[in-house]
Amino acid sequence: RRSAGAGDREALARQLRDAKRRVAELEEQLANERSEAREEQAELRRQLVVLQSEVDAGHQTVVDLKVRIRELNQEVDQARRRGKIDHDPRLDAKRAVYGSSAPGALSSTAGRRGG
């Protein structure tokens, strides 16, 4: 019976060694996966910074374009008003008095008069 008990102990010792080896393998695997996860997380953070920078630049571009559109709309409105004035036949008499015969000359004479 001693040999049977010794055999049981050897079997249990072998199982324990196998279990410890498997635990060590799993711990190493877990450590590797954690390391890979940290590296991936760091890379994702770097990519996020780059993307956020691109988004910020895009927002600034949109703001700049909105400002430019506003400026162009003002220029168009001003040109339309000037065109209406230049081609208004009711102002022909004033143009004759001030010596302005060419369209657009009214605005240039106003600048020489100071406003």
PDB file of N, CA and C in Angstrom:
ATOM      1  N   ARG A   1       0.809  -1.177   0.000  1.00  0.00           N
ATOM      2  CA  ARG A   1       0.000   0.000   0.000  1.00  0.00           C
ATOM      3  C   ARG A   1       0.862   1.254   0.000  1.00  0.00           C
ATOM      4  N   ARG A   2       2.025   1.142   0.562  1.00  0.00           N
ATOM      5  CA  ARG A   2       2.921   2.287   0.548  1.00  0.00           C
ATOM      6  C   ARG A   2       3.267   2.699  -0.873  1.00  0.00           C
ATOM      7  N   SER A   3       3.488   1.758  -1.737  1.00  0.00           N
ATOM      8  CA  SER A   3       3.828   2.076  -3.111  1.00  0.00           C
ATOM      9  C   SER A   3       2.654   2.746  -3.814  1.00  0.00           C
ATOM     10  N   ALA A   4       1.432   2.349  -3.465  1.00  0.00           N
ATOM     11  CA  ALA A   4       0.263   2.989  -4.052  1.00  0.00           C
ATOM     12  C   ALA A   4       0.162   4.415  -3.559  1.00  0.00           C
ATOM     13  N   GLY A   5       0.415   4.625  -2.265  1.00  0.00           N
ATOM     14  CA  GLY A   5       0.380   5.983  -1.704  1.00  0.00           C
ATOM     15  C   GLY A   5       1.490   6.822  -2.274  1.00  0.00           C
ATOM     16  N   ALA A   6       2.655   6.233  -2.475  1.00  0.00           N
ATOM     17  CA  ALA A   6       3.781   6.958  -3.056  1.00  0.00           C
ATOM     18  C   ALA A   6       3.474   7.317  -4.491  1.00  0.00           C
ATOM     19  N   GLY A   7       2.834   6.399  -5.203  1.00  0.00           N
ATOM     20  CA  GLY A   7       2.437   6.666  -6.589  1.00  0.00           C
ATOM     21  C   GLY A   7       1.428   7.788  -6.665  1.00  0.00           C
ATOM     22  N   ASP A   8       0.504   7.796  -5.696  1.00  0.00           N
ATOM     23  CA  ASP A   8      -0.492   8.875  -5.665  1.00  0.00           C
ATOM     24  C   ASP A   8       0.187  10.221  -5.414  1.00  0.00           C
ATOM     25  N   ARG A   9       1.159  10.191  -4.479  1.00  0.00           N
ATOM     26  CA  ARG A   9       1.875  11.434  -4.172  1.00  0.00           C
ATOM     27  C   ARG A   9       2.661  11.906  -5.386  1.00  0.00           C
ATOM     28  N   GLU A  10       3.305  10.987  -6.085  1.00  0.00           N
ATOM     29  CA  GLU A  10       4.059  11.356  -7.296  1.00  0.00           C
ATOM     30  C   GLU A  10       3.123  11.914  -8.360  1.00  0.00           C
ATOM     31  N   ALA A  11       1.976  11.306  -8.508  1.00  0.00           N
ATOM     32  CA  ALA A  11       0.997  11.779  -9.493  1.00  0.00           C
ATOM     33  C   ALA A  11       0.511  13.170  -9.110  1.00  0.00           C
ATOM     34  N   LEU A  12       0.222  13.363  -7.818  1.00  0.00           N
ATOM     35  CA  LEU A  12      -0.232  14.669  -7.360  1.00  0.00           C
ATOM     36  C   LEU A  12       0.867  15.721  -7.511  1.00  0.00           C
ATOM     37  N   ALA A  13       2.114  15.310  -7.201  1.00  0.00           N
ATOM     38  CA  ALA A  13       3.245  16.233  -7.341  1.00  0.00           C
ATOM     39  C   ALA A  13       3.412  16.626  -8.808  1.00  0.00           C
ATOM     40  N   ARG A  14       3.280  15.643  -9.704  1.00  0.00           N
ATOM     41  CA  ARG A  14       3.382  15.916 -11.142  1.00  0.00           C
ATOM     42  C   ARG A  14       2.254  16.863 -11.584  1.00  0.00           C
ATOM     43  N   GLN A  15       1.042  16.622 -11.114  1.00  0.00           N
ATOM     44  CA  GLN A  15      -0.085  17.491 -11.453  1.00  0.00           C
ATOM     45  C   GLN A  15       0.144  18.912 -10.933  1.00  0.00           C
ATOM     46  N   LEU A  16       0.711  18.979  -9.713  1.00  0.00           N
ATOM     47  CA  LEU A  16       0.991  20.284  -9.131  1.00  0.00           C
ATOM     48  C   LEU A  16       2.033  21.033  -9.959  1.00  0.00           C
ATOM     49  N   ARG A  17       3.108  20.306 -10.354  1.00  0.00           N
ATOM     50  CA  ARG A  17       4.144  20.919 -11.193  1.00  0.00           C
ATOM     51  C   ARG A  17       3.548  21.384 -12.527  1.00  0.00           C
ATOM     52  N   ASP A  18       2.721  20.537 -13.134  1.00  0.00           N
ATOM     53  CA  ASP A  18       2.077  20.901 -14.405  1.00  0.00           C
ATOM     54  C   ASP A  18       1.169  22.131 -14.230  1.00  0.00           C
ATOM     55  N   ALA A  19       0.422  22.138 -13.128  1.00  0.00           N
ATOM     56  CA  ALA A  19      -0.466  23.264 -12.862  1.00  0.00           C
ATOM     57  C   ALA A  19       0.340  24.546 -12.651  1.00  0.00           C
ATOM     58  N   LYS A  20       1.462  24.445 -11.901  1.00  0.00           N
ATOM     59  CA  LYS A  20       2.316  25.622 -11.665  1.00  0.00           C
ATOM     60  C   LYS A  20       2.921  26.111 -12.983  1.00  0.00           C
ATOM     61  N   ARG A  21       3.356  25.155 -13.824  1.00  0.00           N
ATOM     62  CA  ARG A  21       3.922  25.517 -15.120  1.00  0.00           C
ATOM     63  C   ARG A  21       2.876  26.216 -15.980  1.00  0.00           C
ATOM     64  N   ARG A  22       1.659  25.689 -15.968  1.00  0.00           N
ATOM     65  CA  ARG A  22       0.573  26.280 -16.751  1.00  0.00           C
ATOM     66  C   ARG A  22       0.227  27.670 -16.227  1.00  0.00           C
ATOM     67  N   VAL A  23       0.218  27.832 -14.900  1.00  0.00           N
ATOM     68  CA  VAL A  23      -0.041  29.147 -14.302  1.00  0.00           C
ATOM     69  C   VAL A  23       1.046  30.130 -14.741  1.00  0.00           C
ATOM     70  N   ALA A  24       2.307  29.677 -14.705  1.00  0.00           N
ATOM     71  CA  ALA A  24       3.408  30.548 -15.127  1.00  0.00           C
ATOM     72  C   ALA A  24       3.263  30.939 -16.598  1.00  0.00           C
ATOM     73  N   GLU A  25       2.885  29.975 -17.444  1.00  0.00           N
ATOM     74  CA  GLU A  25       2.676  30.267 -18.864  1.00  0.00           C
ATOM     75  C   GLU A  25       1.549  31.283 -19.056  1.00  0.00           C
ATOM     76  N   LEU A  26       0.454  31.087 -18.322  1.00  0.00           N
ATOM     77  CA  LEU A  26      -0.680  32.003 -18.427  1.00  0.00           C
ATOM     78  C   LEU A  26      -0.316  33.403 -17.926  1.00  0.00           C
ATOM     79  N   GLU A  27       0.464  33.464 -16.830  1.00  0.00           N
ATOM     80  CA  GLU A  27       0.891  34.771 -16.309  1.00  0.00           C
ATOM     81  C   GLU A  27       1.785  35.490 -17.321  1.00  0.00           C
ATOM     82  N   GLU A  28       2.677  34.732 -17.960  1.00  0.00           N
ATOM     83  CA  GLU A  28       3.552  35.324 -18.977  1.00  0.00           C
ATOM     84  C   GLU A  28       2.725  35.809 -20.174  1.00  0.00           C
ATOM     85  N   GLN A  29       1.768  34.983 -20.583  1.00  0.00           N
ATOM     86  CA  GLN A  29       0.894  35.359 -21.691  1.00  0.00           C
ATOM     87  C   GLN A  29       0.105  36.627 -21.345  1.00  0.00           C
ATOM     88  N   LEU A  30      -0.416  36.679 -20.117  1.00  0.00           N
ATOM     89  CA  LEU A  30      -1.159  37.850 -19.671  1.00  0.00           C
ATOM     90  C   LEU A  30      -0.265  39.093 -19.657  1.00  0.00           C
ATOM     91  N   ALA A  31       0.963  38.925 -19.164  1.00  0.00           N
ATOM     92  CA  ALA A  31       1.902  40.053 -19.133  1.00  0.00           C
ATOM     93  C   ALA A  31       2.181  40.545 -20.552  1.00  0.00           C
ATOM     94  N   ASN A  32       2.369  39.619 -21.494  1.00  0.00           N
ATOM     95  CA  ASN A  32       2.609  40.007 -22.886  1.00  0.00           C
ATOM     96  C   ASN A  32       1.413  40.744 -23.473  1.00  0.00           C
ATOM     97  N   GLU A  33       0.221  40.220 -23.191  1.00  0.00           N
ATOM     98  CA  GLU A  33      -0.986  40.871 -23.707  1.00  0.00           C
ATOM     99  C   GLU A  33      -1.175  42.253 -23.101  1.00  0.00           C
ATOM    100  N   ARG A  34      -0.858  42.407 -21.826  1.00  0.00           N
ATOM    101  CA  ARG A  34      -0.952  43.725 -21.188  1.00  0.00           C
ATOM    102  C   ARG A  34       0.041  44.696 -21.824  1.00  0.00           C
ATOM    103  N   SER A  35       1.249  44.201 -22.067  1.00  0.00           N
ATOM    104  CA  SER A  35       2.264  45.038 -22.696  1.00  0.00           C
ATOM    105  C   SER A  35       1.819  45.474 -24.089  1.00  0.00           C
ATOM    106  N   GLU A  36       1.294  44.522 -24.866  1.00  0.00           N
ATOM    107  CA  GLU A  36       0.796  44.850 -26.204  1.00  0.00           C
ATOM    108  C   GLU A  36      -0.354  45.843 -26.120  1.00  0.00           C
ATOM    109  N   ALA A  37      -1.214  45.653 -25.133  1.00  0.00           N
ATOM    110  CA  ALA A  37      -2.357  46.561 -24.965  1.00  0.00           C
ATOM    111  C   ALA A  37      -1.874  47.969 -24.627  1.00  0.00           C
ATOM    112  N   ARG A  38      -0.848  48.074 -23.775  1.00  0.00           N
ATOM    113  CA  ARG A  38      -0.286  49.387 -23.428  1.00  0.00           C
ATOM    114  C   ARG A  38       0.314  50.050 -24.661  1.00  0.00           C
ATOM    115  N   GLU A  39       1.047  49.271 -25.458  1.00  0.00           N
ATOM    116  CA  GLU A  39       1.643  49.812 -26.680  1.00  0.00           C
ATOM    117  C   GLU A  39       0.562  50.274 -27.654  1.00  0.00           C
ATOM    118  N   GLU A  40      -0.476  49.458 -27.796  1.00  0.00           N
ATOM    119  CA  GLU A  40      -1.571  49.819 -28.692  1.00  0.00           C
ATOM    120  C   GLU A  40      -2.292  51.064 -28.190  1.00  0.00           C
ATOM    121  N   GLN A  41      -2.481  51.134 -26.880  1.00  0.00           N
ATOM    122  CA  GLN A  41      -3.136  52.302 -26.295  1.00  0.00           C
ATOM    123  C   GLN A  41      -2.295  53.560 -26.531  1.00  0.00           C
ATOM    124  N   ALA A  42      -0.988  53.449 -26.372  1.00  0.00           N
ATOM    125  CA  ALA A  42      -0.108  54.595 -26.615  1.00  0.00           C
ATOM    126  C   ALA A  42      -0.188  55.026 -28.084  1.00  0.00           C
ATOM    127  N   GLU A  43      -0.202  54.070 -28.984  1.00  0.00           N
ATOM    128  CA  GLU A  43      -0.319  54.388 -30.412  1.00  0.00           C
ATOM    129  C   GLU A  43      -1.662  55.048 -30.717  1.00  0.00           C
ATOM    130  N   LEU A  44      -2.713  54.535 -30.109  1.00  0.00           N
ATOM    131  CA  LEU A  44      -4.029  55.138 -30.311  1.00  0.00           C
ATOM    132  C   LEU A  44      -4.070  56.563 -29.768  1.00  0.00           C
ATOM    133  N   ARG A  45      -3.399  56.793 -28.659  1.00  0.00           N
ATOM    134  CA  ARG A  45      -3.335  58.158 -28.112  1.00  0.00           C
ATOM    135  C   ARG A  45      -2.600  59.080 -29.079  1.00  0.00           C
ATOM    136  N   ARG A  46      -1.490  58.592 -29.646  1.00  0.00           N
ATOM    137  CA  ARG A  46      -0.744  59.398 -30.626  1.00  0.00           C
ATOM    138  C   ARG A  46      -1.635  59.710 -31.830  1.00  0.00           C
ATOM    139  N   GLN A  47      -2.350  58.712 -32.306  1.00  0.00           N
ATOM    140  CA  GLN A  47      -3.238  58.930 -33.449  1.00  0.00           C
ATOM    141  C   GLN A  47      -4.351  59.909 -33.098  1.00  0.00           C
ATOM    142  N   LEU A  48      -4.853  59.814 -31.882  1.00  0.00           N
ATOM    143  CA  LEU A  48      -5.907  60.723 -31.441  1.00  0.00           C
ATOM    144  C   LEU A  48      -5.404  62.163 -31.422  1.00  0.00           C
ATOM    145  N   VAL A  49      -4.176  62.357 -30.956  1.00  0.00           N
ATOM    146  CA  VAL A  49      -3.598  63.703 -30.937  1.00  0.00           C
ATOM    147  C   VAL A  49      -3.495  64.248 -32.361  1.00  0.00           C
ATOM    148  N   VAL A  50      -3.032  63.402 -33.276  1.00  0.00           N
ATOM    149  CA  VAL A  50      -2.910  63.825 -34.677  1.00  0.00           C
ATOM    150  C   VAL A  50      -4.281  64.159 -35.246  1.00  0.00           C
ATOM    151  N   LEU A  51      -5.253  63.283 -35.004  1.00  0.00           N
ATOM    152  CA  LEU A  51      -6.597  63.524 -35.525  1.00  0.00           C
ATOM    153  C   LEU A  51      -7.216  64.777 -34.919  1.00  0.00           C
ATOM    154  N   GLN A  52      -7.003  64.986 -33.625  1.00  0.00           N
ATOM    155  CA  GLN A  52      -7.556  66.183 -32.982  1.00  0.00           C
ATOM    156  C   GLN A  52      -6.925  67.430 -33.579  1.00  0.00           C
ATOM    157  N   SER A  53      -5.635  67.359 -33.861  1.00  0.00           N
ATOM    158  CA  SER A  53      -4.954  68.484 -34.495  1.00  0.00           C
ATOM    159  C   SER A  53      -5.549  68.760 -35.876  1.00  0.00           C
ATOM    160  N   GLU A  54      -5.822  67.681 -36.632  1.00  0.00           N
ATOM    161  CA  GLU A  54      -6.428  67.845 -37.951  1.00  0.00           C
ATOM    162  C   GLU A  54      -7.836  68.411 -37.842  1.00  0.00           C
ATOM    163  N   VAL A  55      -8.582  67.966 -36.849  1.00  0.00           N
ATOM    164  CA  VAL A  55      -9.937  68.490 -36.636  1.00  0.00           C
ATOM    165  C   VAL A  55      -9.871  69.974 -36.290  1.00  0.00           C
ATOM    166  N   ASP A  56      -8.941  70.342 -35.406  1.00  0.00           N
ATOM    167  CA  ASP A  56      -8.790  71.749 -35.027  1.00  0.00           C
ATOM    168  C   ASP A  56      -8.430  72.592 -36.243  1.00  0.00           C
ATOM    169  N   ALA A  57      -7.513  72.076 -37.074  1.00  0.00           N
ATOM    170  CA  ALA A  57      -7.131  72.799 -38.287  1.00  0.00           C
ATOM    171  C   ALA A  57      -8.333  72.920 -39.222  1.00  0.00           C
ATOM    172  N   GLY A  58      -9.133  71.869 -39.304  1.00  0.00           N
ATOM    173  CA  GLY A  58     -10.332  71.914 -40.135  1.00  0.00           C
ATOM    174  C   GLY A  58     -11.329  72.940 -39.627  1.00  0.00           C
ATOM    175  N   HIS A  59     -11.502  72.992 -38.308  1.00  0.00           N
ATOM    176  CA  HIS A  59     -12.405  74.000 -37.722  1.00  0.00           C
ATOM    177  C   HIS A  59     -11.899  75.403 -38.030  1.00  0.00           C
ATOM    178  N   GLN A  60     -10.599  75.609 -37.924  1.00  0.00           N
ATOM    179  CA  GLN A  60     -10.034  76.927 -38.204  1.00  0.00           C
ATOM    180  C   GLN A  60     -10.240  77.284 -39.670  1.00  0.00           C
ATOM    181  N   THR A  61     -10.085  76.302 -40.549  1.00  0.00           N
ATOM    182  CA  THR A  61     -10.318  76.534 -41.973  1.00  0.00           C
ATOM    183  C   THR A  61     -11.761  76.939 -42.215  1.00  0.00           C
ATOM    184  N   VAL A  62     -12.693  76.261 -41.549  1.00  0.00           N
ATOM    185  CA  VAL A  62     -14.110  76.606 -41.688  1.00  0.00           C
ATOM    186  C   VAL A  62     -14.359  78.030 -41.215  1.00  0.00           C
ATOM    187  N   VAL A  63     -13.777  78.388 -40.073  1.00  0.00           N
ATOM    188  CA  VAL A  63     -13.943  79.751 -39.551  1.00  0.00           C
ATOM    189  C   VAL A  63     -13.373  80.759 -40.539  1.00  0.00           C
ATOM    190  N   ASP A  64     -12.177  80.476 -41.057  1.00  0.00           N
ATOM    191  CA  ASP A  64     -11.544  81.380 -42.019  1.00  0.00           C
ATOM    192  C   ASP A  64     -12.401  81.524 -43.274  1.00  0.00           C
ATOM    193  N   LEU A  65     -12.957  80.405 -43.745  1.00  0.00           N
ATOM    194  CA  LEU A  65     -13.790  80.455 -44.947  1.00  0.00           C
ATOM    195  C   LEU A  65     -15.084  81.214 -44.701  1.00  0.00           C
ATOM    196  N   LYS A  66     -15.659  81.063 -43.515  1.00  0.00           N
ATOM    197  CA  LYS A  66     -16.873  81.819 -43.190  1.00  0.00           C
ATOM    198  C   LYS A  66     -16.588  83.321 -43.193  1.00  0.00           C
ATOM    199  N   VAL A  67     -15.442  83.701 -42.636  1.00  0.00           N
ATOM    200  CA  VAL A  67     -15.052  85.116 -42.631  1.00  0.00           C
ATOM    201  C   VAL A  67     -14.889  85.597 -44.069  1.00  0.00           C
ATOM    202  N   ARG A  68     -14.215  84.801 -44.892  1.00  0.00           N
ATOM    203  CA  ARG A  68     -13.988  85.190 -46.290  1.00  0.00           C
ATOM    204  C   ARG A  68     -15.311  85.293 -47.053  1.00  0.00           C
ATOM    205  N   ILE A  69     -16.225  84.372 -46.799  1.00  0.00           N
ATOM    206  CA  ILE A  69     -17.541  84.420 -47.445  1.00  0.00           C
ATOM    207  C   ILE A  69     -18.269  85.704 -47.047  1.00  0.00           C
ATOM    208  N   ARG A  70     -18.199  86.045 -45.766  1.00  0.00           N
ATOM    209  CA  ARG A  70     -18.838  87.273 -45.284  1.00  0.00           C
ATOM    210  C   ARG A  70     -18.236  88.487 -45.991  1.00  0.00           C
ATOM    211  N   GLU A  71     -16.896  88.499 -46.112  1.00  0.00           N
ATOM    212  CA  GLU A  71     -16.224  89.612 -46.801  1.00  0.00           C
ATOM    213  C   GLU A  71     -16.660  89.694 -48.262  1.00  0.00           C
ATOM    214  N   LEU A  72     -16.707  88.535 -48.919  1.00  0.00           N
ATOM    215  CA  LEU A  72     -17.114  88.519 -50.330  1.00  0.00           C
ATOM    216  C   LEU A  72     -18.562  88.947 -50.494  1.00  0.00           C
ATOM    217  N   ASN A  73     -19.422  88.527 -49.585  1.00  0.00           N
ATOM    218  CA  ASN A  73     -20.828  88.957 -49.646  1.00  0.00           C
ATOM    219  C   ASN A  73     -20.937  90.467 -49.491  1.00  0.00           C
ATOM    220  N   GLN A  74     -20.130  91.031 -48.596  1.00  0.00           N
ATOM    221  CA  GLN A  74     -20.140  92.484 -48.419  1.00  0.00           C
ATOM    222  C   GLN A  74     -19.652  93.184 -49.688  1.00  0.00           C
ATOM    223  N   GLU A  75     -18.602  92.618 -50.306  1.00  0.00           N
ATOM    224  CA  GLU A  75     -18.091  93.204 -51.548  1.00  0.00           C
ATOM    225  C   GLU A  75     -19.141  93.127 -52.651  1.00  0.00           C
ATOM    226  N   VAL A  76     -19.841  91.992 -52.738  1.00  0.00           N
ATOM    227  CA  VAL A  76     -20.889  91.840 -53.748  1.00  0.00           C
ATOM    228  C   VAL A  76     -22.009  92.838 -53.499  1.00  0.00           C
ATOM    229  N   ASP A  77     -22.439  92.958 -52.247  1.00  0.00           N
ATOM    230  CA  ASP A  77     -23.497  93.909 -51.913  1.00  0.00           C
ATOM    231  C   ASP A  77     -23.083  95.333 -52.258  1.00  0.00           C
ATOM    232  N   GLN A  78     -21.842  95.675 -51.944  1.00  0.00           N
ATOM    233  CA  GLN A  78     -21.333  97.013 -52.240  1.00  0.00           C
ATOM    234  C   GLN A  78     -21.279  97.242 -53.757  1.00  0.00           C
ATOM    235  N   ALA A  79     -20.828  96.233 -54.488  1.00  0.00           N
ATOM    236  CA  ALA A  79     -20.767  96.358 -55.944  1.00  0.00           C
ATOM    237  C   ALA A  79     -22.166  96.499 -56.537  1.00  0.00           C
ATOM    238  N   ARG A  80     -23.138  95.784 -55.987  1.00  0.00           N
ATOM    239  CA  ARG A  80     -24.521  95.909 -56.474  1.00  0.00           C
ATOM    240  C   ARG A  80     -25.066  97.310 -56.221  1.00  0.00           C
ATOM    241  N   ARG A  81     -24.827  97.815 -55.008  1.00  0.00           N
ATOM    242  CA  ARG A  81     -25.291  99.170 -54.684  1.00  0.00           C
ATOM    243  C   ARG A  81     -24.634 100.194 -55.603  1.00  0.00           C
ATOM    244  N   ARG A  82     -23.323 100.037 -55.799  1.00  0.00           N
ATOM    245  CA  ARG A  82     -22.588 100.953 -56.667  1.00  0.00           C
ATOM    246  C   ARG A  82     -23.121 100.861 -58.099  1.00  0.00           C
ATOM    247  N   GLY A  83     -23.405  99.618 -58.526  1.00  0.00           N
ATOM    248  CA  GLY A  83     -23.942  99.440 -59.878  1.00  0.00           C
ATOM    249  C   GLY A  83     -25.303 100.099 -60.035  1.00  0.00           C
ATOM    250  N   LYS A  84     -26.147  99.995 -59.033  1.00  0.00           N
ATOM    251  CA  LYS A  84     -27.459 100.635 -59.094  1.00  0.00           C
ATOM    252  C   LYS A  84     -27.320 102.150 -59.156  1.00  0.00           C
ATOM    253  N   ILE A  85     -26.396 102.672 -58.355  1.00  0.00           N
ATOM    254  CA  ILE A  85     -26.187 104.125 -58.340  1.00  0.00           C
ATOM    255  C   ILE A  85     -25.620 104.582 -59.678  1.00  0.00           C
ATOM    256  N   ASP A  86     -24.620 103.866 -60.180  1.00  0.00           N
ATOM    257  CA  ASP A  86     -23.970 104.252 -61.435  1.00  0.00           C
ATOM    258  C   ASP A  86     -24.934 104.232 -62.614  1.00  0.00           C
ATOM    259  N   HIS A  87     -25.922 103.359 -62.555  1.00  0.00           N
ATOM    260  CA  HIS A  87     -26.842 103.226 -63.680  1.00  0.00           C
ATOM    261  C   HIS A  87     -28.223 103.818 -63.407  1.00  0.00           C
ATOM    262  N   ASP A  88     -28.334 104.601 -62.362  1.00  0.00           N
ATOM    263  CA  ASP A  88     -29.622 105.222 -62.019  1.00  0.00           C
ATOM    264  C   ASP A  88     -29.790 106.487 -62.864  1.00  0.00           C
ATOM    265  N   PRO A  89     -30.758 106.483 -63.770  1.00  0.00           N
ATOM    266  CA  PRO A  89     -30.931 107.652 -64.645  1.00  0.00           C
ATOM    267  C   PRO A  89     -31.353 108.903 -63.866  1.00  0.00           C
ATOM    268  N   ARG A  90     -31.897 108.753 -62.687  1.00  0.00           N
ATOM    269  CA  ARG A  90     -32.297 109.927 -61.902  1.00  0.00           C
ATOM    270  C   ARG A  90     -31.096 110.721 -61.422  1.00  0.00           C
ATOM    271  N   LEU A  91     -29.914 110.096 -61.436  1.00  0.00           N
ATOM    272  CA  LEU A  91     -28.707 110.790 -60.979  1.00  0.00           C
ATOM    273  C   LEU A  91     -27.929 111.422 -62.131  1.00  0.00           C
ATOM    274  N   ASP A  92     -28.445 111.312 -63.371  1.00  0.00           N
ATOM    275  CA  ASP A  92     -27.731 111.876 -64.520  1.00  0.00           C
ATOM    276  C   ASP A  92     -27.520 113.375 -64.362  1.00  0.00           C
ATOM    277  N   ALA A  93     -28.503 114.062 -63.817  1.00  0.00           N
ATOM    278  CA  ALA A  93     -28.382 115.516 -63.648  1.00  0.00           C
ATOM    279  C   ALA A  93     -27.262 115.841 -62.679  1.00  0.00           C
ATOM    280  N   LYS A  94     -27.162 115.099 -61.599  1.00  0.00           N
ATOM    281  CA  LYS A  94     -26.087 115.353 -60.628  1.00  0.00           C
ATOM    282  C   LYS A  94     -24.734 115.032 -61.226  1.00  0.00           C
ATOM    283  N   ARG A  95     -24.694 113.988 -62.034  1.00  0.00           N
ATOM    284  CA  ARG A  95     -23.424 113.641 -62.692  1.00  0.00           C
ATOM    285  C   ARG A  95     -22.994 114.772 -63.623  1.00  0.00           C
ATOM    286  N   ALA A  96     -23.944 115.342 -64.297  1.00  0.00           N
ATOM    287  CA  ALA A  96     -23.629 116.441 -65.216  1.00  0.00           C
ATOM    288  C   ALA A  96     -23.102 117.645 -64.440  1.00  0.00           C
ATOM    289  N   VAL A  97     -23.703 117.927 -63.278  1.00  0.00           N
ATOM    290  CA  VAL A  97     -23.278 119.063 -62.466  1.00  0.00           C
ATOM    291  C   VAL A  97     -21.868 118.846 -61.945  1.00  0.00           C
ATOM    292  N   TYR A  98     -21.584 117.633 -61.478  1.00  0.00           N
ATOM    293  CA  TYR A  98     -20.270 117.358 -60.898  1.00  0.00           C
ATOM    294  C   TYR A  98     -19.257 116.909 -61.943  1.00  0.00           C
ATOM    295  N   GLY A  99     -19.643 116.889 -63.188  1.00  0.00           N
ATOM    296  CA  GLY A  99     -18.710 116.550 -64.259  1.00  0.00           C
ATOM    297  C   GLY A  99     -18.406 115.069 -64.354  1.00  0.00           C
ATOM    298  N   SER A 100     -19.246 114.266 -63.833  1.00  0.00           N
ATOM    299  CA  SER A 100     -19.014 112.832 -63.858  1.00  0.00           C
ATOM    300  C   SER A 100     -19.862 112.219 -64.949  1.00  0.00           C
ATOM    301  N   SER A 101     -19.213 111.734 -66.002  1.00  0.00           N
ATOM    302  CA  SER A 101     -19.980 111.136 -67.083  1.00  0.00           C
ATOM    303  C   SER A 101     -19.838 109.622 -67.113  1.00  0.00           C
ATOM    304  N   ALA A 102     -18.732 109.100 -66.575  1.00  0.00           N
ATOM    305  CA  ALA A 102     -18.494 107.647 -66.622  1.00  0.00           C
ATOM    306  C   ALA A 102     -19.081 106.982 -65.389  1.00  0.00           C
ATOM    307  N   PRO A 103     -19.702 105.810 -65.583  1.00  0.00           N
ATOM    308  CA  PRO A 103     -20.183 105.077 -64.402  1.00  0.00           C
ATOM    309  C   PRO A 103     -19.020 104.755 -63.464  1.00  0.00           C
ATOM    310  N   GLY A 104     -19.267 104.894 -62.183  1.00  0.00           N
ATOM    311  CA  GLY A 104     -18.228 104.619 -61.192  1.00  0.00           C
ATOM    312  C   GLY A 104     -17.439 105.854 -60.831  1.00  0.00           C
ATOM    313  N   ALA A 105     -17.582 106.908 -61.593  1.00  0.00           N
ATOM    314  CA  ALA A 105     -16.826 108.125 -61.318  1.00  0.00           C
ATOM    315  C   ALA A 105     -17.371 108.834 -60.095  1.00  0.00           C
ATOM    316  N   LEU A 106     -18.633 108.648 -59.792  1.00  0.00           N
ATOM    317  CA  LEU A 106     -19.226 109.284 -58.625  1.00  0.00           C
ATOM    318  C   LEU A 106     -18.513 108.882 -57.358  1.00  0.00           C
ATOM    319  N   SER A 107     -18.181 107.600 -57.236  1.00  0.00           N
ATOM    320  CA  SER A 107     -17.501 107.152 -56.032  1.00  0.00           C
ATOM    321  C   SER A 107     -16.084 107.682 -55.970  1.00  0.00           C
ATOM    322  N   SER A 108     -15.420 107.893 -57.134  1.00  0.00           N
ATOM    323  CA  SER A 108     -14.051 108.391 -57.098  1.00  0.00           C
ATOM    324  C   SER A 108     -14.031 109.873 -56.782  1.00  0.00           C
ATOM    325  N   THR A 109     -15.034 110.643 -57.219  1.00  0.00           N
ATOM    326  CA  THR A 109     -15.062 112.057 -56.879  1.00  0.00           C
ATOM    327  C   THR A 109     -15.400 112.243 -55.406  1.00  0.00           C
ATOM    328  N   ALA A 110     -16.171 111.317 -54.827  1.00  0.00           N
ATOM    329  CA  ALA A 110     -16.513 111.420 -53.417  1.00  0.00           C
ATOM    330  C   ALA A 110     -15.261 111.261 -52.572  1.00  0.00           C
ATOM    331  N   GLY A 111     -14.351 110.440 -53.000  1.00  0.00           N
ATOM    332  CA  GLY A 111     -13.099 110.254 -52.257  1.00  0.00           C
ATOM    333  C   GLY A 111     -12.251 111.508 -52.274  1.00  0.00           C
ATOM    334  N   ARG A 112     -12.259 112.259 -53.411  1.00  0.00           N
ATOM    335  CA  ARG A 112     -11.472 113.499 -53.507  1.00  0.00           C
ATOM    336  C   ARG A 112     -12.083 114.619 -52.690  1.00  0.00           C
ATOM    337  N   ARG A 113     -13.373 114.563 -52.484  1.00  0.00           N
ATOM    338  CA  ARG A 113     -14.045 115.596 -51.710  1.00  0.00           C
ATOM    339  C   ARG A 113     -13.954 115.329 -50.218  1.00  0.00           C
ATOM    340  N   GLY A 114     -13.435 114.148 -49.851  1.00  0.00           N
ATOM    341  CA  GLY A 114     -13.276 113.856 -48.435  1.00  0.00           C
ATOM    342  C   GLY A 114     -14.390 113.016 -47.867  1.00  0.00           C
ATOM    343  N   GLY A 115     -15.167 112.412 -48.662  1.00  0.00           N
ATOM    344  CA  GLY A 115     -16.140 111.515 -48.073  1.00  0.00           C
ATOM    345  C   GLY A 115     -17.321 111.397 -48.912  1.00  0.00           C
TER     346      GLY A 115
END
